[in-house]
Amino acid sequence: MQIQLYNTLTRQKEVFVPRDPQRVTMYVCGPTVYNFAHIGNARPVVVFDTLYRLLQRQYPTVVYVRNVTDVDDKINAAAKAEGVPISTITERYHAVYSADMAALGALPPVIEPKVTQHIPAIISMIERLIANGHAYAAEGHVLFNVPSFKDYGQLSRRDRDEMIAGARVDVAPYKRDPADFVLWKPSPPDLPGWDSPWGRGRPGWHIECSAMIEKNLGTETIDIHGGGHDLIFPHHENEIAQSTCAHGGTMFCRYWLHNGFVNVDAEKMSKSLGNVLLVHDLLTTAPGEAIRLALLSAHYRQPLDWTDAGLRDAKAQLDRLYRALDGLKDVRAADTAAPEAFMAALADDLNTPKALSELHQLANAANKATDAEERSRLKGELLAAGWLMGLLQQDPATWLKGEVAKADIDVSEIEALIKARKEARARKDWAESDRIRNDLAARGILLEDKAGETTWRVASQVMT
């Protein structure tokens, strides 16, 4: 099966051909750990976790690296405000981040490097850049000399004025060119710092990833580099410049992938609007698996509009899928792969909306199947496809209990009433249909009719 991925560098979908099919390398920009992760931070985690799962099905070894930025001006400010070392802040929020992402079903990366553990590697790369004429020291700083790299701008495709404006550069007097960016900066006594050939200081943001990639993936050219759309410029543009120049012109990365933004109720998420949704808070109102499905409901390259209704729909979809699995609880799952149509959807640049549609088709087929062999095959396919999406990995009975168990609800009775209502609607007995709906509503069971199907949920499951 060929996997096609949209390469930001070439602006087109390309067949994925790894440099070494025995060892696929993937790096994704991870968190800066000074606060709780918001839903926008979670999207790349879920997207690239899904890609990681797909690659694992195709290749014997996939080395997935996701870094942790544990030295940064925001971290410094948070530590200063609490009067604690930066490690107190970073360890606290890294632990929360890891737990929150695990709750979303994300597998841990193979390697999770921290910036503070890679200072010697960062200094070494900076020294090489200076030695080959691509960087220079000035007033305790070291800066990358952008004009020295003729291909600068190839990823973002911005002209020079746009790049300078987009990077919000500080045109300091020690810069040779306004576009030059910092590789190393001095640290005063009250801030974290490390000894270097240029004095006590700390690394710039961009050089950190270049050095960690080189150190942990052990190759000058990696297969995949991922992150949010906002990282294309300046972060990933600068990574290309640094790494290419540090490696004598060797290509840095073969495939660049970027996910779209998450908006909230059609508005950009921002502190000023008060609409920043923290994953940690969302997990108190909805299962992590529902949050994950909601994040996968739109194609990863498109903007995702996060709404309460969308989250409720994700939960309802999972209820349907788990009910299909629960109907197969006495069936032994066949040892089989996900079906071809499902795999084709994921292999087409992670078309998760199409893959979810195929998952529902499997569930529908399972609900109708009577042949024992077919039911066994369908259960195996549901579980295999679910794993690739990071879904359906819980025990169906445990999932379906949830609020249902708390409300002491007889699931079989509810399903029987829904069936009776469907029959009433088929014979156009609208009075009986409404009576059943109203009776269920009075008992706290809300029905939702959509695309010819009826789903239900407990009223207390309404997510705000």
Foldseek 3Di string as FASTA:
>chain_A
DWFWAQFLLVRGIDTADFPDLQEAEEEEEAEAQQDFAFLQRLLVQLVVLLVVLLSVVPGVHYQYEYEYEQADPSLLVSCVVVVHDSCVRRVVRVVVRVVLNVLLLRDDGNYYYYLVVQVVLLLVLLVLCVVLPQWDDDPLWIWGNVVVDVCQCSSVVDDPVCQLVLVVFDCDPRDPDSNIDTQWHADDPSGDFDQHPSGTTGGDDQSSVLSCCCVPVVDLEHEEYEYAPSCSPPRVSVSQVSSCSSVVNDGRYDGYYHFYGEAEQPHRDDVVVVRGGGSVVQVVQAGSNLSLVLSLQQQRNDYRYDYLVSSVVSLQLQLLLLVLLVVCVVAAADQDAADPQLSVCCSHNHNSNSNSVVLVVLSVCSVPDDDRVSNNDSSNNNVNSQVSSSHDPDNSVVSVCVVVVVLVHDVVVLVVLVVVLVVCVVVPVVVSNVVSQVVCVVSQKHWDDDPNDITIDGNSSRGD
